[in-house]
Amino acid sequence: MSNRLFQGIIHQMQPALDRVIGVIDESGLVIACSELSIIGETRVKAKEEMSYTTDIKAVDGYTYHHIGNGATPEFIVFVEGEDKTAEKYSAILAISLSNIKEYYDEKSDKSSFIKNIIMDNILPSDIYAKSKELHFDGNEKRAVLLARFYTRSDVSPFDVIQNMFPDKAKDFVISTGEQDVVIVKGLDADATSGDVEQLAQGICDTIGSEFYCKVGIGIGTIVENIKDLARSYKESQIAIEVGKVFESEREIISYENLGIGRLIYQLPTTLCEMFLTEVFKYGSLETLDRDTLNTIQVFFENNLNVSETSRKLFVHRNTLVYRLEKIRKITGLDLREFDHAITFKVAMMVKKYLTSKPVKF
């Protein structure tokens, strides 16, 4: 990564300096240079000469300067020429690249730090010490979003997401799997969960329109302390998994809005099977045909209102009442009664959950 980092800076600085400039690594290999044909050359003599001094040194028509102040610097800059101007340019270049590399290394360390937190690879007692070491604000408001790509593309999911968050000091993009990318987003003090959902919608829309990829996003609860990022990440995972079962048509699922589906998803399958057996002791859910199930769905969507449901289904009120009575005879549950309707709704969700579970042999 240092090669790309140095090459980008050198490319920008070369017109101002108007000389060949570059960087060699600890083996003497030219890893970045304004003259692209020089990249890959080995300058062993220059490397050996510089190993005996920390001063600026001229070797074979170029002036060399260590990057950084360490006893054994990893990189050395070089500037064409052996005059005072070359010495000045090499000093300026060394200071610039040293500061940029230091910032990049710190940023890289911060990303690794965040990844260790969300993956539970760091002790809670070490989080505060490490955050202080990295000058990391541990009490900033943040949200964790898990983007899961369901279609493959020639472009890396990580690169796609990373390019959407240019503020590298505030936002962190972390790859946690081949198709999973985590966004730890820094928020304003007055940001709400609605703002985070709008952000997630923007991500989905951009990825869908520009890269033709289908993506789902799970959102954890907003946290205000760095140690809670791991919990929020787990919530985003649960949101993705539960949403896949109960809200399969939705792209964005927030943990806060999972409702009873979150509880059902964590129940043992044996307990769920017992519940279904008890609820449908008079008749199986499978005995209800598709039209009947659609009637039930619309009835629930209209808050158990018979008149509104019949209007939406384009049927007479008496026809709907007949259908509901038929359901009562089959299942023993009268959906016009709130308690029975709740029981039936939960039972349908439990059935959907069991159907989503892979069969084990």
Protein backbone atom coordinates (compact mmCIF):
# COMPACT_ATOMS: atom_id res chain seq x y z
CA MET A 1 0.00 0.00 0.00
CA SER A 2 2.92 2.37 0.67
CA ASN A 3 3.90 2.07 -3.01
CA ARG A 4 0.52 3.42 -4.16
CA LEU A 5 0.52 6.05 -1.45
CA PHE A 6 3.98 7.38 -2.37
CA GLN A 7 3.35 7.18 -6.11
CA GLY A 8 0.21 9.29 -5.81
CA ILE A 9 1.98 12.03 -3.87
CA ILE A 10 5.04 12.03 -6.15
CA HIS A 11 2.80 12.30 -9.21
CA GLN A 12 1.22 15.43 -7.74
CA MET A 13 4.52 17.02 -6.62
CA GLN A 14 6.65 16.38 -9.70
CA PRO A 15 5.37 19.33 -11.82
CA ALA A 16 6.22 21.75 -8.99
CA LEU A 17 9.74 20.36 -8.47
CA ASP A 18 10.48 19.77 -12.18
CA ARG A 19 12.99 17.00 -11.44
CA VAL A 20 12.93 13.22 -11.31
CA ILE A 21 11.90 12.24 -7.79
CA GLY A 22 11.20 8.85 -6.22
CA VAL A 23 11.39 6.44 -3.32
CA ILE A 24 13.40 3.28 -2.68
CA ASP A 25 12.60 0.66 -0.06
CA GLU A 26 14.85 -1.11 2.44
CA SER A 27 16.24 -3.40 -0.27
CA GLY A 28 17.13 -0.54 -2.64
CA LEU A 29 14.20 -1.21 -4.99
CA VAL A 30 12.58 1.84 -6.60
CA ILE A 31 8.94 1.52 -5.57
CA ALA A 32 7.69 4.95 -6.71
CA CYS A 33 9.03 7.50 -9.17
CA SER A 34 7.93 10.42 -11.34
CA GLU A 35 9.71 8.66 -14.23
CA LEU A 36 7.66 5.46 -14.51
CA SER A 37 10.36 3.58 -16.44
CA ILE A 38 12.65 3.76 -13.38
CA ILE A 39 10.19 1.93 -11.10
CA GLY A 40 11.52 -1.57 -10.44
CA GLU A 41 15.18 -0.64 -10.71
CA THR A 42 17.49 -1.60 -7.84
CA ARG A 43 19.85 0.96 -6.33
CA VAL A 44 21.92 -1.16 -3.98
CA LYS A 45 24.86 1.25 -3.89
CA ALA A 46 22.67 4.14 -2.76
CA LYS A 47 21.03 1.94 -0.16
CA GLU A 48 24.41 0.83 1.23
CA GLU A 49 25.73 4.40 1.30
CA MET A 50 22.66 5.59 3.19
CA SER A 51 22.90 2.77 5.72
CA TYR A 52 25.97 4.47 7.23
CA THR A 53 24.47 7.91 7.69
CA THR A 54 21.27 9.77 8.52
CA ASP A 55 22.40 12.82 6.56
CA ILE A 56 21.59 13.80 2.99
CA LYS A 57 23.94 12.05 0.56
CA ALA A 58 24.62 12.35 -3.17
CA VAL A 59 25.19 9.10 -5.10
CA ASP A 60 25.55 8.68 -8.89
CA GLY A 61 23.78 11.90 -9.85
CA TYR A 62 20.95 11.71 -7.30
CA THR A 63 20.51 13.14 -3.81
CA TYR A 64 19.08 10.78 -1.16
CA HIS A 65 17.30 11.48 2.13
CA HIS A 66 15.80 9.13 4.73
CA ILE A 67 12.04 9.25 5.32
CA GLY A 68 11.35 9.62 9.04
CA ASN A 69 13.66 9.93 12.02
CA GLY A 70 14.09 6.28 12.99
CA ALA A 71 17.46 4.62 13.38
CA THR A 72 16.78 2.32 10.43
CA PRO A 73 14.24 4.09 8.18
CA GLU A 74 12.22 1.81 5.92
CA PHE A 75 12.20 4.18 2.93
CA ILE A 76 14.54 6.70 1.26
CA VAL A 77 13.61 9.49 -1.16
CA PHE A 78 15.79 10.55 -4.06
CA VAL A 79 15.90 13.68 -6.22
CA GLU A 80 17.72 14.13 -9.52
CA GLY A 81 20.89 16.21 -9.14
CA GLU A 82 23.65 16.70 -6.54
CA ASP A 83 23.30 20.44 -6.00
CA LYS A 84 21.83 22.52 -3.16
CA THR A 85 18.44 22.59 -4.86
CA ALA A 86 18.38 18.78 -4.91
CA GLU A 87 19.24 18.75 -1.22
CA LYS A 88 16.40 21.16 -0.45
CA TYR A 89 13.90 19.22 -2.55
CA SER A 90 14.89 15.90 -0.97
CA ALA A 91 14.42 17.35 2.53
CA ILE A 92 10.99 18.76 1.64
CA LEU A 93 9.96 15.51 -0.01
CA ALA A 94 11.17 13.40 2.93
CA ILE A 95 9.23 15.49 5.45
CA SER A 96 6.07 15.44 3.33
CA LEU A 97 6.09 11.70 2.72
CA SER A 98 6.98 10.98 6.33
CA ASN A 99 3.96 12.94 7.60
CA ILE A 100 1.64 11.39 5.04
CA LYS A 101 2.83 7.87 5.84
CA GLU A 102 2.42 8.51 9.56
CA TYR A 103 -1.16 9.65 8.99
CA TYR A 104 -1.87 6.65 6.77
CA ASP A 105 -0.40 4.21 9.29
CA GLU A 106 -2.48 5.75 12.05
CA LYS A 107 -5.58 5.53 9.90
CA SER A 108 -4.80 1.90 9.09
CA ASP A 109 -4.30 1.18 12.78
CA LYS A 110 -7.64 2.79 13.55
CA SER A 111 -9.41 0.60 10.99
CA SER A 112 -7.82 -2.50 12.48
CA PHE A 113 -8.76 -1.26 15.93
CA ILE A 114 -12.42 -0.84 14.92
CA LYS A 115 -12.45 -4.26 13.26
CA ASN A 116 -11.05 -5.88 16.40
CA ILE A 117 -13.77 -4.22 18.46
CA ILE A 118 -16.72 -5.31 16.32
CA MET A 119 -15.31 -8.83 15.95
CA ASP A 120 -14.75 -9.12 19.73
CA ASN A 121 -11.00 -9.60 19.25
CA ILE A 122 -9.97 -7.12 21.93
CA LEU A 123 -10.53 -7.12 25.66
CA PRO A 124 -12.88 -4.39 26.96
CA SER A 125 -10.15 -3.23 29.33
CA ASP A 126 -7.80 -2.65 26.37
CA ILE A 127 -10.27 -0.62 24.30
CA TYR A 128 -9.85 2.63 26.20
CA ALA A 129 -6.06 2.36 26.35
CA LYS A 130 -5.84 1.69 22.62
CA SER A 131 -8.26 4.48 21.73
CA LYS A 132 -6.17 6.92 23.74
CA GLU A 133 -3.00 5.73 22.03
CA LEU A 134 -4.58 6.26 18.60
CA HIS A 135 -6.14 9.63 19.60
CA PHE A 136 -9.53 8.09 18.91
CA ASP A 137 -12.69 9.76 20.23
CA GLY A 138 -14.40 6.94 22.09
CA ASN A 139 -17.56 8.87 22.92
CA GLU A 140 -18.63 9.97 19.45
CA LYS A 141 -22.09 9.03 18.20
CA ARG A 142 -21.84 6.20 15.66
CA ALA A 143 -23.99 3.74 13.70
CA VAL A 144 -23.04 0.30 12.41
CA LEU A 145 -24.44 -0.85 9.07
CA LEU A 146 -23.87 -4.27 7.50
CA ALA A 147 -24.14 -4.30 3.71
CA ARG A 148 -24.58 -7.76 2.20
CA PHE A 149 -24.21 -8.13 -1.57
CA TYR A 150 -26.57 -10.74 -3.04
CA THR A 151 -25.32 -10.44 -6.61
CA ARG A 152 -21.72 -10.59 -7.77
CA SER A 153 -19.96 -7.90 -9.77
CA ASP A 154 -16.56 -7.31 -11.36
CA VAL A 155 -16.06 -4.57 -8.78
CA SER A 156 -15.09 -5.49 -5.20
CA PRO A 157 -17.94 -4.84 -2.71
CA PHE A 158 -15.38 -3.30 -0.34
CA ASP A 159 -14.13 -0.86 -3.00
CA VAL A 160 -17.69 0.07 -3.95
CA ILE A 161 -18.62 0.99 -0.37
CA GLN A 162 -15.30 2.59 0.51
CA ASN A 163 -15.54 5.06 -2.38
CA MET A 164 -18.88 6.24 -0.99
CA PHE A 165 -17.32 7.34 2.32
CA PRO A 166 -14.43 9.73 1.59
CA ASP A 167 -14.13 11.01 5.18
CA LYS A 168 -11.51 8.49 6.27
CA ALA A 169 -11.02 10.16 9.65
CA LYS A 170 -14.65 9.81 10.70
CA ASP A 171 -16.04 6.81 8.81
CA PHE A 172 -14.63 3.29 8.65
CA VAL A 173 -15.34 0.67 6.00
CA ILE A 174 -14.38 -2.88 6.93
CA SER A 175 -14.60 -6.12 4.96
CA THR A 176 -15.89 -9.02 7.10
CA GLY A 177 -16.55 -11.54 4.35
CA GLU A 178 -16.52 -12.04 0.60
CA GLN A 179 -19.90 -10.34 0.19
CA ASP A 180 -20.21 -8.52 3.55
CA VAL A 181 -19.00 -4.98 4.22
CA VAL A 182 -19.42 -3.14 7.53
CA ILE A 183 -19.75 0.64 7.70
CA VAL A 184 -19.03 2.32 11.03
CA LYS A 185 -20.47 5.77 10.39
CA GLY A 186 -19.70 8.79 12.55
CA LEU A 187 -22.87 10.79 13.23
CA ASP A 188 -23.77 14.33 14.26
CA ALA A 189 -24.93 14.79 17.84
CA ASP A 190 -28.57 15.28 16.77
CA ALA A 191 -28.67 12.39 14.26
CA THR A 192 -31.56 9.91 14.56
CA SER A 193 -32.25 6.36 13.43
CA GLY A 194 -34.30 7.88 10.60
CA ASP A 195 -31.16 9.65 9.32
CA VAL A 196 -29.27 6.36 9.35
CA GLU A 197 -32.05 4.64 7.39
CA GLN A 198 -31.92 7.43 4.80
CA LEU A 199 -28.17 6.89 4.52
CA ALA A 200 -28.74 3.16 4.01
CA GLN A 201 -31.36 3.85 1.34
CA GLY A 202 -28.90 6.10 -0.47
CA ILE A 203 -26.31 3.32 -0.45
CA CYS A 204 -28.80 0.80 -1.86
CA ASP A 205 -29.98 3.20 -4.57
CA THR A 206 -26.42 4.07 -5.65
CA ILE A 207 -25.24 0.46 -5.77
CA GLY A 208 -28.35 -0.64 -7.63
CA SER A 209 -28.24 2.12 -10.25
CA GLU A 210 -24.48 2.34 -10.83
CA PHE A 211 -23.30 -1.23 -10.29
CA TYR A 212 -26.53 -3.20 -10.89
CA CYS A 213 -26.04 -5.14 -7.68
CA LYS A 214 -28.69 -6.23 -5.22
CA VAL A 215 -27.70 -5.39 -1.67
CA GLY A 216 -29.39 -5.69 1.71
CA ILE A 217 -28.45 -3.52 4.69
CA GLY A 218 -28.90 -4.37 8.35
CA ILE A 219 -28.72 -1.47 10.82
CA GLY A 220 -27.73 -1.79 14.48
CA THR A 221 -28.81 0.66 17.16
CA ILE A 222 -26.96 3.97 17.41
CA VAL A 223 -24.22 3.91 20.05
CA GLU A 224 -22.40 6.70 21.87
CA ASN A 225 -19.52 4.69 23.30
CA ILE A 226 -16.89 2.85 21.34
CA LYS A 227 -17.19 -0.33 23.42
CA ASP A 228 -20.81 -0.72 22.26
CA LEU A 229 -19.83 -1.06 18.59
CA ALA A 230 -19.57 -4.85 18.96
CA ARG A 231 -23.17 -5.02 20.18
CA SER A 232 -24.40 -2.80 17.38
CA TYR A 233 -22.58 -4.95 14.82
CA LYS A 234 -24.26 -8.11 16.18
CA GLU A 235 -27.59 -6.32 15.95
CA SER A 236 -26.94 -5.48 12.29
CA GLN A 237 -26.22 -9.17 11.64
CA ILE A 238 -29.45 -10.20 13.36
CA ALA A 239 -31.34 -7.56 11.36
CA ILE A 240 -30.04 -9.02 8.09
CA GLU A 241 -30.87 -12.62 9.08
CA VAL A 242 -34.29 -11.91 10.59
CA GLY A 243 -35.20 -9.61 7.73
CA LYS A 244 -34.34 -12.36 5.25
CA VAL A 245 -37.04 -14.51 6.89
CA PHE A 246 -39.82 -12.08 7.79
CA GLU A 247 -39.16 -9.03 5.57
CA SER A 248 -37.62 -10.61 2.48
CA GLU A 249 -38.97 -7.91 0.16
CA ARG A 250 -37.25 -5.09 2.05
CA GLU A 251 -33.70 -3.90 1.27
CA ILE A 252 -33.13 -2.14 4.60
CA ILE A 253 -33.84 -3.72 7.98
CA SER A 254 -33.28 -1.89 11.25
CA TYR A 255 -32.78 -3.89 14.42
CA GLU A 256 -35.06 -1.47 16.26
CA ASN A 257 -37.96 -2.32 13.94
CA LEU A 258 -37.69 -6.12 13.98
CA GLY A 259 -40.46 -6.46 16.55
CA ILE A 260 -41.56 -9.95 17.49
CA GLY A 261 -39.60 -11.47 14.60
CA ARG A 262 -36.41 -10.90 16.61
CA LEU A 263 -37.80 -12.99 19.47
CA ILE A 264 -39.06 -15.80 17.23
CA TYR A 265 -35.73 -16.06 15.42
CA GLN A 266 -33.95 -16.86 18.67
CA LEU A 267 -36.34 -19.61 19.76
CA PRO A 268 -35.39 -23.31 19.49
CA THR A 269 -37.12 -25.04 16.58
CA THR A 270 -38.52 -27.75 18.87
CA LEU A 271 -40.32 -25.09 20.93
CA CYS A 272 -41.69 -23.50 17.74
CA GLU A 273 -43.01 -26.86 16.51
CA MET A 274 -44.73 -27.45 19.86
CA PHE A 275 -46.35 -24.02 19.65
CA LEU A 276 -47.73 -24.68 16.16
CA THR A 277 -49.10 -28.06 17.24
CA GLU A 278 -50.94 -26.44 20.15
CA VAL A 279 -52.29 -23.50 18.12
CA PHE A 280 -53.52 -25.55 15.18
CA LYS A 281 -54.80 -28.57 17.10
CA TYR A 282 -58.08 -28.43 15.15
CA GLY A 283 -56.49 -28.21 11.72
CA SER A 284 -53.16 -27.62 10.04
CA LEU A 285 -52.12 -24.29 8.58
CA GLU A 286 -51.48 -26.16 5.32
CA THR A 287 -55.22 -26.80 4.94
CA LEU A 288 -55.76 -23.10 4.22
CA ASP A 289 -55.61 -22.33 0.49
CA ARG A 290 -53.79 -19.39 -1.07
CA ASP A 291 -56.90 -17.20 -1.40
CA THR A 292 -57.73 -17.73 2.27
CA LEU A 293 -54.18 -16.84 3.33
CA ASN A 294 -54.31 -13.72 1.16
CA THR A 295 -57.59 -12.75 2.83
CA ILE A 296 -55.95 -13.14 6.24
CA GLN A 297 -52.97 -11.05 5.17
CA VAL A 298 -55.15 -8.18 3.92
CA PHE A 299 -57.29 -8.43 7.07
CA PHE A 300 -54.18 -7.95 9.21
CA GLU A 301 -52.89 -5.10 7.02
CA ASN A 302 -56.18 -3.27 7.60
CA ASN A 303 -56.08 -3.64 11.38
CA LEU A 304 -58.85 -6.29 11.55
CA ASN A 305 -61.35 -3.90 9.98
CA VAL A 306 -63.98 -5.96 8.12
CA SER A 307 -65.38 -3.10 6.04
CA GLU A 308 -61.99 -1.83 4.90
CA THR A 309 -60.72 -5.33 4.15
CA SER A 310 -63.76 -6.21 2.03
CA ARG A 311 -63.27 -2.99 0.08
CA LYS A 312 -59.60 -3.78 -0.56
CA LEU A 313 -60.46 -7.33 -1.65
CA PHE A 314 -63.38 -6.16 -3.81
CA VAL A 315 -65.76 -8.56 -2.11
CA HIS A 316 -69.03 -8.09 -0.27
CA ARG A 317 -68.81 -7.71 3.50
CA ASN A 318 -70.88 -10.87 3.99
CA THR A 319 -68.46 -12.81 1.77
CA LEU A 320 -65.55 -11.75 3.98
CA VAL A 321 -67.47 -12.67 7.12
CA TYR A 322 -68.15 -16.10 5.60
CA ARG A 323 -64.43 -16.58 4.90
CA LEU A 324 -63.48 -15.57 8.44
CA GLU A 325 -66.04 -17.98 9.83
CA LYS A 326 -64.59 -20.73 7.66
CA ILE A 327 -61.13 -19.99 9.09
CA ARG A 328 -62.57 -20.19 12.61
CA LYS A 329 -64.03 -23.63 11.93
CA ILE A 330 -60.75 -24.94 10.49
CA THR A 331 -58.34 -23.48 13.03
CA GLY A 332 -60.48 -22.74 16.07
CA LEU A 333 -59.34 -19.08 15.93
CA ASP A 334 -61.73 -16.20 15.30
CA LEU A 335 -59.59 -13.50 13.69
CA ARG A 336 -62.16 -10.83 14.55
CA GLU A 337 -61.08 -11.22 18.16
CA PHE A 338 -57.82 -9.43 18.94
CA ASP A 339 -56.27 -12.21 21.09
CA HIS A 340 -57.01 -14.85 18.48
CA ALA A 341 -55.67 -12.61 15.71
CA ILE A 342 -52.40 -12.06 17.59
CA THR A 343 -52.02 -15.81 18.17
CA PHE A 344 -52.61 -16.53 14.49
CA LYS A 345 -50.19 -13.80 13.36
CA VAL A 346 -47.43 -15.13 15.60
CA ALA A 347 -48.14 -18.69 14.44
CA MET A 348 -47.76 -17.65 10.80
CA MET A 349 -44.43 -16.02 11.59
CA VAL A 350 -43.25 -19.11 13.46
CA LYS A 351 -44.24 -21.25 10.48
CA LYS A 352 -42.29 -18.96 8.16
CA TYR A 353 -39.27 -19.16 10.46
CA LEU A 354 -39.36 -22.98 10.51
CA THR A 355 -39.69 -23.10 6.73
CA SER A 356 -36.57 -20.94 6.38
CA LYS A 357 -34.50 -23.28 8.52
CA PRO A 358 -32.42 -25.81 6.54
CA VAL A 359 -33.38 -29.43 7.00
CA LYS A 360 -30.71 -31.37 8.91
CA PHE A 361 -30.04 -35.01 8.10
